Each structure stands twice: as C-alpha cells, then as structure tokens.
Amino acid sequence: SRVAKGRFARAETLRTQRSHREFHAEVARAMYGFLG
C-alpha cells in the first residue's frame, strides 16, 4: 500500500494534458506493483 500510494502521488504530478500517457502508465505501474 505504501509503495502504491507513492506511485499514485507521482501519477498526480503527471496529471497534465501534455503527459497524460505517462500518467496512465504510472497508475498502471501502481496497480500492477500493488498486485504483485
């Protein structure tokens, strides 16, 4: 949970129109990492 929250925080910083692909990649990394 702690690692996933850190990745969500990083995704939040990427939440811009210019970096929306990186945002979604970071959310997916958080979810896959949490599950793993």
PDB file of all heavy atoms in Angstrom:
ATOM      1  N   SER A   1       0.826  -1.214   0.000  1.00  0.00           N
ATOM      2  CA  SER A   1       0.000   0.000   0.000  1.00  0.00           C
ATOM      3  C   SER A   1       0.855   1.258   0.000  1.00  0.00           C
ATOM      4  O   SER A   1       0.552   2.223  -0.705  1.00  0.00           O
ATOM      5  CB  SER A   1      -0.923   0.015   1.216  1.00  0.00           C
ATOM      6  OG  SER A   1      -1.853  -1.023   1.116  1.00  0.00           O
ATOM      7  N   ARG A   2       1.920   1.256   0.769  1.00  0.00           N
ATOM      8  CA  ARG A   2       2.792   2.430   0.853  1.00  0.00           C
ATOM      9  C   ARG A   2       3.453   2.719  -0.491  1.00  0.00           C
ATOM     10  O   ARG A   2       3.504   3.862  -0.945  1.00  0.00           O
ATOM     11  CB  ARG A   2       3.847   2.220   1.943  1.00  0.00           C
ATOM     12  CG  ARG A   2       4.705   3.428   2.194  1.00  0.00           C
ATOM     13  CD  ARG A   2       5.662   3.238   3.358  1.00  0.00           C
ATOM     14  NE  ARG A   2       6.484   2.050   3.215  1.00  0.00           N
ATOM     15  CZ  ARG A   2       6.453   1.012   4.051  1.00  0.00           C
ATOM     16  NH1 ARG A   2       5.657   1.006   5.084  1.00  0.00           N
ATOM     17  NH2 ARG A   2       7.236  -0.025   3.856  1.00  0.00           N
ATOM     18  N   VAL A   3       3.922   1.682  -1.159  1.00  0.00           N
ATOM     19  CA  VAL A   3       4.560   1.858  -2.465  1.00  0.00           C
ATOM     20  C   VAL A   3       3.536   2.332  -3.495  1.00  0.00           C
ATOM     21  O   VAL A   3       3.814   3.232  -4.294  1.00  0.00           O
ATOM     22  CB  VAL A   3       5.241   0.542  -2.918  1.00  0.00           C
ATOM     23  CG1 VAL A   3       5.716   0.628  -4.349  1.00  0.00           C
ATOM     24  CG2 VAL A   3       6.396   0.198  -1.990  1.00  0.00           C
ATOM     25  N   ALA A   4       2.341   1.763  -3.470  1.00  0.00           N
ATOM     26  CA  ALA A   4       1.297   2.170  -4.411  1.00  0.00           C
ATOM     27  C   ALA A   4       0.903   3.630  -4.190  1.00  0.00           C
ATOM     28  O   ALA A   4       0.693   4.375  -5.157  1.00  0.00           O
ATOM     29  CB  ALA A   4       0.075   1.261  -4.274  1.00  0.00           C
ATOM     30  N   LYS A   5       0.818   4.060  -2.938  1.00  0.00           N
ATOM     31  CA  LYS A   5       0.492   5.466  -2.659  1.00  0.00           C
ATOM     32  C   LYS A   5       1.568   6.390  -3.212  1.00  0.00           C
ATOM     33  O   LYS A   5       1.276   7.466  -3.724  1.00  0.00           O
ATOM     34  CB  LYS A   5       0.334   5.686  -1.158  1.00  0.00           C
ATOM     35  CG  LYS A   5      -0.961   5.165  -0.626  1.00  0.00           C
ATOM     36  CD  LYS A   5      -1.068   5.381   0.866  1.00  0.00           C
ATOM     37  CE  LYS A   5      -2.308   4.703   1.398  1.00  0.00           C
ATOM     38  NZ  LYS A   5      -2.405   4.804   2.860  1.00  0.00           N
ATOM     39  N   GLY A   6       2.814   5.969  -3.123  1.00  0.00           N
ATOM     40  CA  GLY A   6       3.899   6.770  -3.691  1.00  0.00           C
ATOM     41  C   GLY A   6       3.785   6.887  -5.195  1.00  0.00           C
ATOM     42  O   GLY A   6       4.008   7.966  -5.772  1.00  0.00           O
ATOM     43  N   ARG A   7       3.403   5.803  -5.839  1.00  0.00           N
ATOM     44  CA  ARG A   7       3.226   5.841  -7.294  1.00  0.00           C
ATOM     45  C   ARG A   7       2.016   6.676  -7.687  1.00  0.00           C
ATOM     46  O   ARG A   7       2.032   7.368  -8.707  1.00  0.00           O
ATOM     47  CB  ARG A   7       3.110   4.423  -7.841  1.00  0.00           C
ATOM     48  CG  ARG A   7       4.443   3.709  -7.824  1.00  0.00           C
ATOM     49  CD  ARG A   7       4.402   2.423  -8.600  1.00  0.00           C
ATOM     50  NE  ARG A   7       5.730   1.848  -8.672  1.00  0.00           N
ATOM     51  CZ  ARG A   7       5.987   0.570  -8.441  1.00  0.00           C
ATOM     52  NH1 ARG A   7       5.006  -0.256  -8.143  1.00  0.00           N
ATOM     53  NH2 ARG A   7       7.211   0.116  -8.527  1.00  0.00           N
ATOM     54  N   PHE A   8       0.965   6.621  -6.884  1.00  0.00           N
ATOM     55  CA  PHE A   8      -0.193   7.481  -7.145  1.00  0.00           C
ATOM     56  C   PHE A   8       0.184   8.947  -6.991  1.00  0.00           C
ATOM     57  O   PHE A   8      -0.296   9.788  -7.751  1.00  0.00           O
ATOM     58  CB  PHE A   8      -1.344   7.139  -6.206  1.00  0.00           C
ATOM     59  CG  PHE A   8      -2.273   6.081  -6.732  1.00  0.00           C
ATOM     60  CD1 PHE A   8      -3.228   5.530  -5.911  1.00  0.00           C
ATOM     61  CD2 PHE A   8      -2.217   5.647  -8.036  1.00  0.00           C
ATOM     62  CE1 PHE A   8      -4.098   4.567  -6.380  1.00  0.00           C
ATOM     63  CE2 PHE A   8      -3.071   4.695  -8.521  1.00  0.00           C
ATOM     64  CZ  PHE A   8      -4.022   4.145  -7.686  1.00  0.00           C
ATOM     65  N   ALA A   9       1.020   9.257  -6.014  1.00  0.00           N
ATOM     66  CA  ALA A   9       1.469  10.642  -5.841  1.00  0.00           C
ATOM     67  C   ALA A   9       2.262  11.090  -7.056  1.00  0.00           C
ATOM     68  O   ALA A   9       2.108  12.215  -7.534  1.00  0.00           O
ATOM     69  CB  ALA A   9       2.305  10.769  -4.572  1.00  0.00           C
ATOM     70  N   ARG A  10       3.092  10.209  -7.578  1.00  0.00           N
ATOM     71  CA  ARG A  10       3.848  10.531  -8.796  1.00  0.00           C
ATOM     72  C   ARG A  10       2.896  10.723  -9.965  1.00  0.00           C
ATOM     73  O   ARG A  10       3.065  11.634 -10.782  1.00  0.00           O
ATOM     74  CB  ARG A  10       4.851   9.433  -9.094  1.00  0.00           C
ATOM     75  CG  ARG A  10       5.479   9.525 -10.474  1.00  0.00           C
ATOM     76  CD  ARG A  10       6.965   9.595 -10.447  1.00  0.00           C
ATOM     77  NE  ARG A  10       7.558   9.426 -11.757  1.00  0.00           N
ATOM     78  CZ  ARG A  10       7.606  10.380 -12.682  1.00  0.00           C
ATOM     79  NH1 ARG A  10       7.077  11.558 -12.448  1.00  0.00           N
ATOM     80  NH2 ARG A  10       8.177  10.153 -13.847  1.00  0.00           N
ATOM     81  N   ALA A  11       1.887   9.861 -10.069  1.00  0.00           N
ATOM     82  CA  ALA A  11       0.899   9.987 -11.146  1.00  0.00           C
ATOM     83  C   ALA A  11       0.174  11.324 -11.036  1.00  0.00           C
ATOM     84  O   ALA A  11      -0.094  11.974 -12.056  1.00  0.00           O
ATOM     85  CB  ALA A  11      -0.103   8.838 -11.092  1.00  0.00           C
ATOM     86  N   GLU A  12      -0.116  11.745  -9.829  1.00  0.00           N
ATOM     87  CA  GLU A  12      -0.795  13.024  -9.629  1.00  0.00           C
ATOM     88  C   GLU A  12       0.031  14.178 -10.190  1.00  0.00           C
ATOM     89  O   GLU A  12      -0.513  15.103 -10.780  1.00  0.00           O
ATOM     90  CB  GLU A  12      -1.059  13.247  -8.134  1.00  0.00           C
ATOM     91  CG  GLU A  12      -1.802  14.503  -7.806  1.00  0.00           C
ATOM     92  CD  GLU A  12      -3.242  14.509  -8.266  1.00  0.00           C
ATOM     93  OE1 GLU A  12      -3.901  13.459  -8.207  1.00  0.00           O
ATOM     94  OE2 GLU A  12      -3.702  15.575  -8.702  1.00  0.00           O
ATOM     95  N   THR A  13       1.351  14.102 -10.052  1.00  0.00           N
ATOM     96  CA  THR A  13       2.207  15.161 -10.599  1.00  0.00           C
ATOM     97  C   THR A  13       2.236  15.126 -12.127  1.00  0.00           C
ATOM     98  O   THR A  13       2.542  16.128 -12.756  1.00  0.00           O
ATOM     99  CB  THR A  13       3.655  15.072 -10.070  1.00  0.00           C
ATOM    100  OG1 THR A  13       4.256  13.870 -10.544  1.00  0.00           O
ATOM    101  CG2 THR A  13       3.687  15.130  -8.558  1.00  0.00           C
ATOM    102  N   LEU A  14       1.928  13.979 -12.704  1.00  0.00           N
ATOM    103  CA  LEU A  14       1.915  13.828 -14.165  1.00  0.00           C
ATOM    104  C   LEU A  14       0.550  14.129 -14.771  1.00  0.00           C
ATOM    105  O   LEU A  14       0.364  13.993 -15.973  1.00  0.00           O
ATOM    106  CB  LEU A  14       2.318  12.399 -14.541  1.00  0.00           C
ATOM    107  CG  LEU A  14       3.747  11.995 -14.207  1.00  0.00           C
ATOM    108  CD1 LEU A  14       3.914  10.497 -14.386  1.00  0.00           C
ATOM    109  CD2 LEU A  14       4.732  12.758 -15.058  1.00  0.00           C
ATOM    110  N   ARG A  15      -0.393  14.525 -13.948  1.00  0.00           N
ATOM    111  CA  ARG A  15      -1.765  14.730 -14.413  1.00  0.00           C
ATOM    112  C   ARG A  15      -1.907  16.052 -15.152  1.00  0.00           C
ATOM    113  O   ARG A  15      -2.560  16.981 -14.717  1.00  0.00           O
ATOM    114  CB  ARG A  15      -2.722  14.670 -13.233  1.00  0.00           C
ATOM    115  CG  ARG A  15      -4.111  14.242 -13.647  1.00  0.00           C
ATOM    116  CD  ARG A  15      -5.012  14.273 -12.498  1.00  0.00           C
ATOM    117  NE  ARG A  15      -5.445  15.658 -12.345  1.00  0.00           N
ATOM    118  CZ  ARG A  15      -6.162  16.107 -11.358  1.00  0.00           C
ATOM    119  NH1 ARG A  15      -6.511  15.310 -10.392  1.00  0.00           N
ATOM    120  NH2 ARG A  15      -6.525  17.372 -11.302  1.00  0.00           N
ATOM    121  N   THR A  16      -1.289  16.106 -16.308  1.00  0.00           N
ATOM    122  CA  THR A  16      -1.398  17.269 -17.173  1.00  0.00           C
ATOM    123  C   THR A  16      -1.768  16.796 -18.568  1.00  0.00           C
ATOM    124  O   THR A  16      -1.579  15.624 -18.905  1.00  0.00           O
ATOM    125  CB  THR A  16      -0.070  18.051 -17.237  1.00  0.00           C
ATOM    126  OG1 THR A  16       0.929  17.215 -17.835  1.00  0.00           O
ATOM    127  CG2 THR A  16       0.378  18.512 -15.868  1.00  0.00           C
ATOM    128  N   GLN A  17      -2.253  17.703 -19.364  1.00  0.00           N
ATOM    129  CA  GLN A  17      -2.636  17.352 -20.738  1.00  0.00           C
ATOM    130  C   GLN A  17      -1.433  16.851 -21.528  1.00  0.00           C
ATOM    131  O   GLN A  17      -1.552  15.972 -22.355  1.00  0.00           O
ATOM    132  CB  GLN A  17      -3.239  18.576 -21.429  1.00  0.00           C
ATOM    133  CG  GLN A  17      -4.465  19.092 -20.751  1.00  0.00           C
ATOM    134  CD  GLN A  17      -5.704  18.872 -21.569  1.00  0.00           C
ATOM    135  OE1 GLN A  17      -5.637  18.683 -22.760  1.00  0.00           O
ATOM    136  NE2 GLN A  17      -6.833  18.902 -20.910  1.00  0.00           N
ATOM    137  N   ARG A  18      -0.272  17.433 -21.240  1.00  0.00           N
ATOM    138  CA  ARG A  18       0.921  17.093 -22.007  1.00  0.00           C
ATOM    139  C   ARG A  18       1.473  15.705 -21.668  1.00  0.00           C
ATOM    140  O   ARG A  18       2.074  15.051 -22.512  1.00  0.00           O
ATOM    141  CB  ARG A  18       1.992  18.151 -21.746  1.00  0.00           C
ATOM    142  CG  ARG A  18       2.929  18.352 -22.891  1.00  0.00           C
ATOM    143  CD  ARG A  18       3.938  19.378 -22.558  1.00  0.00           C
ATOM    144  NE  ARG A  18       4.686  18.867 -21.408  1.00  0.00           N
ATOM    145  CZ  ARG A  18       5.535  19.558 -20.699  1.00  0.00           C
ATOM    146  NH1 ARG A  18       5.754  20.804 -20.965  1.00  0.00           N
ATOM    147  NH2 ARG A  18       6.169  19.029 -19.690  1.00  0.00           N
ATOM    148  N   SER A  19       1.285  15.256 -20.442  1.00  0.00           N
ATOM    149  CA  SER A  19       1.878  13.977 -20.046  1.00  0.00           C
ATOM    150  C   SER A  19       0.816  12.970 -19.622  1.00  0.00           C
ATOM    151  O   SER A  19       1.035  12.180 -18.711  1.00  0.00           O
ATOM    152  CB  SER A  19       2.891  14.198 -18.929  1.00  0.00           C
ATOM    153  OG  SER A  19       2.287  14.832 -17.829  1.00  0.00           O
ATOM    154  N   HIS A  20      -0.326  12.968 -20.307  1.00  0.00           N
ATOM    155  CA  HIS A  20      -1.399  12.052 -19.910  1.00  0.00           C
ATOM    156  C   HIS A  20      -1.021  10.588 -20.124  1.00  0.00           C
ATOM    157  O   HIS A  20      -1.455   9.731 -19.379  1.00  0.00           O
ATOM    158  CB  HIS A  20      -2.711  12.391 -20.622  1.00  0.00           C
ATOM    159  CG  HIS A  20      -2.753  12.008 -22.055  1.00  0.00           C
ATOM    160  ND1 HIS A  20      -2.134  12.738 -23.037  1.00  0.00           N
ATOM    161  CD2 HIS A  20      -3.348  10.961 -22.668  1.00  0.00           C
ATOM    162  CE1 HIS A  20      -2.342  12.159 -24.198  1.00  0.00           C
ATOM    163  NE2 HIS A  20      -3.077  11.080 -24.005  1.00  0.00           N
ATOM    164  N   ARG A  21      -0.206  10.282 -21.102  1.00  0.00           N
ATOM    165  CA  ARG A  21       0.212   8.889 -21.315  1.00  0.00           C
ATOM    166  C   ARG A  21       1.098   8.407 -20.167  1.00  0.00           C
ATOM    167  O   ARG A  21       0.950   7.277 -19.695  1.00  0.00           O
ATOM    168  CB  ARG A  21       0.917   8.744 -22.650  1.00  0.00           C
ATOM    169  CG  ARG A  21      -0.004   8.994 -23.835  1.00  0.00           C
ATOM    170  CD  ARG A  21       0.655   8.675 -25.167  1.00  0.00           C
ATOM    171  NE  ARG A  21      -0.053   9.261 -26.282  1.00  0.00           N
ATOM    172  CZ  ARG A  21      -1.230   8.876 -26.744  1.00  0.00           C
ATOM    173  NH1 ARG A  21      -1.867   7.907 -26.158  1.00  0.00           N
ATOM    174  NH2 ARG A  21      -1.784   9.470 -27.782  1.00  0.00           N
ATOM    175  N   GLU A  22       1.997   9.251 -19.712  1.00  0.00           N
ATOM    176  CA  GLU A  22       2.847   8.902 -18.574  1.00  0.00           C
ATOM    177  C   GLU A  22       2.021   8.749 -17.305  1.00  0.00           C
ATOM    178  O   GLU A  22       2.290   7.900 -16.468  1.00  0.00           O
ATOM    179  CB  GLU A  22       3.945   9.954 -18.363  1.00  0.00           C
ATOM    180  CG  GLU A  22       4.974  10.011 -19.466  1.00  0.00           C
ATOM    181  CD  GLU A  22       4.545  10.900 -20.634  1.00  0.00           C
ATOM    182  OE1 GLU A  22       3.465  11.525 -20.578  1.00  0.00           O
ATOM    183  OE2 GLU A  22       5.301  10.971 -21.611  1.00  0.00           O
ATOM    184  N   PHE A  23       1.004   9.589 -17.175  1.00  0.00           N
ATOM    185  CA  PHE A  23       0.091   9.494 -16.032  1.00  0.00           C
ATOM    186  C   PHE A  23      -0.542   8.110 -15.975  1.00  0.00           C
ATOM    187  O   PHE A  23      -0.522   7.437 -14.938  1.00  0.00           O
ATOM    188  CB  PHE A  23      -0.998  10.572 -16.138  1.00  0.00           C
ATOM    189  CG  PHE A  23      -2.175  10.343 -15.234  1.00  0.00           C
ATOM    190  CD1 PHE A  23      -2.123  10.711 -13.913  1.00  0.00           C
ATOM    191  CD2 PHE A  23      -3.336   9.749 -15.721  1.00  0.00           C
ATOM    192  CE1 PHE A  23      -3.214  10.499 -13.070  1.00  0.00           C
ATOM    193  CE2 PHE A  23      -4.422   9.532 -14.901  1.00  0.00           C
ATOM    194  CZ  PHE A  23      -4.356   9.908 -13.571  1.00  0.00           C
ATOM    195  N   HIS A  24      -1.113   7.672 -17.097  1.00  0.00           N
ATOM    196  CA  HIS A  24      -1.778   6.364 -17.122  1.00  0.00           C
ATOM    197  C   HIS A  24      -0.777   5.225 -16.952  1.00  0.00           C
ATOM    198  O   HIS A  24      -1.099   4.201 -16.350  1.00  0.00           O
ATOM    199  CB  HIS A  24      -2.600   6.214 -18.404  1.00  0.00           C
ATOM    200  CG  HIS A  24      -3.842   7.040 -18.378  1.00  0.00           C
ATOM    201  ND1 HIS A  24      -3.896   8.298 -18.923  1.00  0.00           N
ATOM    202  CD2 HIS A  24      -5.053   6.822 -17.838  1.00  0.00           C
ATOM    203  CE1 HIS A  24      -5.094   8.804 -18.736  1.00  0.00           C
ATOM    204  NE2 HIS A  24      -5.823   7.928 -18.075  1.00  0.00           N
ATOM    205  N   ALA A  25       0.420   5.389 -17.464  1.00  0.00           N
ATOM    206  CA  ALA A  25       1.453   4.365 -17.269  1.00  0.00           C
ATOM    207  C   ALA A  25       1.802   4.240 -15.787  1.00  0.00           C
ATOM    208  O   ALA A  25       1.972   3.123 -15.268  1.00  0.00           O
ATOM    209  CB  ALA A  25       2.699   4.708 -18.082  1.00  0.00           C
ATOM    210  N   GLU A  26       1.883   5.361 -15.095  1.00  0.00           N
ATOM    211  CA  GLU A  26       2.215   5.335 -13.663  1.00  0.00           C
ATOM    212  C   GLU A  26       1.085   4.723 -12.839  1.00  0.00           C
ATOM    213  O   GLU A  26       1.330   3.971 -11.895  1.00  0.00           O
ATOM    214  CB  GLU A  26       2.552   6.740 -13.169  1.00  0.00           C
ATOM    215  CG  GLU A  26       3.204   6.767 -11.822  1.00  0.00           C
ATOM    216  CD  GLU A  26       4.579   6.132 -11.787  1.00  0.00           C
ATOM    217  OE1 GLU A  26       5.277   6.082 -12.818  1.00  0.00           O
ATOM    218  OE2 GLU A  26       4.967   5.652 -10.703  1.00  0.00           O
ATOM    219  N   VAL A  27      -0.151   5.019 -13.188  1.00  0.00           N
ATOM    220  CA  VAL A  27      -1.287   4.401 -12.496  1.00  0.00           C
ATOM    221  C   VAL A  27      -1.255   2.885 -12.708  1.00  0.00           C
ATOM    222  O   VAL A  27      -1.447   2.109 -11.765  1.00  0.00           O
ATOM    223  CB  VAL A  27      -2.631   5.001 -12.969  1.00  0.00           C
ATOM    224  CG1 VAL A  27      -3.814   4.215 -12.413  1.00  0.00           C
ATOM    225  CG2 VAL A  27      -2.736   6.470 -12.564  1.00  0.00           C
ATOM    226  N   ALA A  28      -0.999   2.452 -13.936  1.00  0.00           N
ATOM    227  CA  ALA A  28      -0.916   1.018 -14.212  1.00  0.00           C
ATOM    228  C   ALA A  28       0.235   0.382 -13.444  1.00  0.00           C
ATOM    229  O   ALA A  28       0.087  -0.716 -12.889  1.00  0.00           O
ATOM    230  CB  ALA A  28      -0.750   0.779 -15.714  1.00  0.00           C
ATOM    231  N   ARG A  29       1.395   1.052 -13.384  1.00  0.00           N
ATOM    232  CA  ARG A  29       2.521   0.538 -12.598  1.00  0.00           C
ATOM    233  C   ARG A  29       2.156   0.394 -11.129  1.00  0.00           C
ATOM    234  O   ARG A  29       2.507  -0.589 -10.483  1.00  0.00           O
ATOM    235  CB  ARG A  29       3.739   1.451 -12.737  1.00  0.00           C
ATOM    236  CG  ARG A  29       4.704   1.022 -13.815  1.00  0.00           C
ATOM    237  CD  ARG A  29       6.042   1.750 -13.715  1.00  0.00           C
ATOM    238  NE  ARG A  29       5.933   3.190 -13.941  1.00  0.00           N
ATOM    239  CZ  ARG A  29       5.856   3.767 -15.119  1.00  0.00           C
ATOM    240  NH1 ARG A  29       5.861   3.040 -16.212  1.00  0.00           N
ATOM    241  NH2 ARG A  29       5.780   5.083 -15.230  1.00  0.00           N
ATOM    242  N   ALA A  30       1.429   1.369 -10.606  1.00  0.00           N
ATOM    243  CA  ALA A  30       0.994   1.303  -9.206  1.00  0.00           C
ATOM    244  C   ALA A  30       0.085   0.097  -8.981  1.00  0.00           C
ATOM    245  O   ALA A  30       0.246  -0.644  -8.003  1.00  0.00           O
ATOM    246  CB  ALA A  30       0.267   2.592  -8.819  1.00  0.00           C
ATOM    247  N   MET A  31      -0.836  -0.102  -9.906  1.00  0.00           N
ATOM    248  CA  MET A  31      -1.793  -1.204  -9.741  1.00  0.00           C
ATOM    249  C   MET A  31      -1.127  -2.568  -9.910  1.00  0.00           C
ATOM    250  O   MET A  31      -1.374  -3.489  -9.136  1.00  0.00           O
ATOM    251  CB  MET A  31      -2.947  -1.040 -10.720  1.00  0.00           C
ATOM    252  CG  MET A  31      -3.797   0.186 -10.411  1.00  0.00           C
ATOM    253  SD  MET A  31      -5.244   0.316 -11.442  1.00  0.00           S
ATOM    254  CE  MET A  31      -6.266  -0.945 -10.690  1.00  0.00           C
ATOM    255  N   TYR A  32      -0.277  -2.709 -10.933  1.00  0.00           N
ATOM    256  CA  TYR A  32       0.420  -3.981 -11.117  1.00  0.00           C
ATOM    257  C   TYR A  32       1.404  -4.237  -9.974  1.00  0.00           C
ATOM    258  O   TYR A  32       1.531  -5.364  -9.496  1.00  0.00           O
ATOM    259  CB  TYR A  32       1.165  -4.003 -12.458  1.00  0.00           C
ATOM    260  CG  TYR A  32       0.301  -4.407 -13.620  1.00  0.00           C
ATOM    261  CD1 TYR A  32       0.071  -3.533 -14.670  1.00  0.00           C
ATOM    262  CD2 TYR A  32      -0.269  -5.673 -13.685  1.00  0.00           C
ATOM    263  CE1 TYR A  32      -0.722  -3.894 -15.755  1.00  0.00           C
ATOM    264  CE2 TYR A  32      -1.061  -6.049 -14.761  1.00  0.00           C
ATOM    265  CZ  TYR A  32      -1.281  -5.160 -15.786  1.00  0.00           C
ATOM    266  OH  TYR A  32      -2.072  -5.540 -16.850  1.00  0.00           O
ATOM    267  N   GLY A  33       2.096  -3.204  -9.534  1.00  0.00           N
ATOM    268  CA  GLY A  33       3.031  -3.358  -8.428  1.00  0.00           C
ATOM    269  C   GLY A  33       2.332  -3.766  -7.146  1.00  0.00           C
ATOM    270  O   GLY A  33       2.803  -4.636  -6.410  1.00  0.00           O
ATOM    271  N   PHE A  34       1.195  -3.138  -6.873  1.00  0.00           N
ATOM    272  CA  PHE A  34       0.398  -3.476  -5.691  1.00  0.00           C
ATOM    273  C   PHE A  34      -0.017  -4.939  -5.739  1.00  0.00           C
ATOM    274  O   PHE A  34       0.130  -5.676  -4.760  1.00  0.00           O
ATOM    275  CB  PHE A  34      -0.828  -2.569  -5.625  1.00  0.00           C
ATOM    276  CG  PHE A  34      -1.745  -2.855  -4.482  1.00  0.00           C
ATOM    277  CD1 PHE A  34      -1.449  -2.398  -3.213  1.00  0.00           C
ATOM    278  CD2 PHE A  34      -2.913  -3.570  -4.682  1.00  0.00           C
ATOM    279  CE1 PHE A  34      -2.305  -2.653  -2.144  1.00  0.00           C
ATOM    280  CE2 PHE A  34      -3.771  -3.826  -3.627  1.00  0.00           C
ATOM    281  CZ  PHE A  34      -3.466  -3.367  -2.362  1.00  0.00           C
ATOM    282  N   LEU A  35      -0.517  -5.355  -6.884  1.00  0.00           N
ATOM    283  CA  LEU A  35      -0.966  -6.730  -7.046  1.00  0.00           C
ATOM    284  C   LEU A  35       0.190  -7.713  -6.906  1.00  0.00           C
ATOM    285  O   LEU A  35       0.076  -8.735  -6.222  1.00  0.00           O
ATOM    286  CB  LEU A  35      -1.647  -6.902  -8.406  1.00  0.00           C
ATOM    287  CG  LEU A  35      -2.340  -8.220  -8.666  1.00  0.00           C
ATOM    288  CD1 LEU A  35      -3.451  -8.444  -7.651  1.00  0.00           C
ATOM    289  CD2 LEU A  35      -2.920  -8.224 -10.067  1.00  0.00           C
ATOM    290  N   GLY A  36       1.317  -7.406  -7.545  1.00  0.00           N
ATOM    291  CA  GLY A  36       2.489  -8.277  -7.439  1.00  0.00           C
ATOM    292  C   GLY A  36       2.973  -8.401  -6.015  1.00  0.00           C
ATOM    293  O   GLY A  36       3.323  -9.503  -5.560  1.00  0.00           O
TER     294      GLY A  36
END
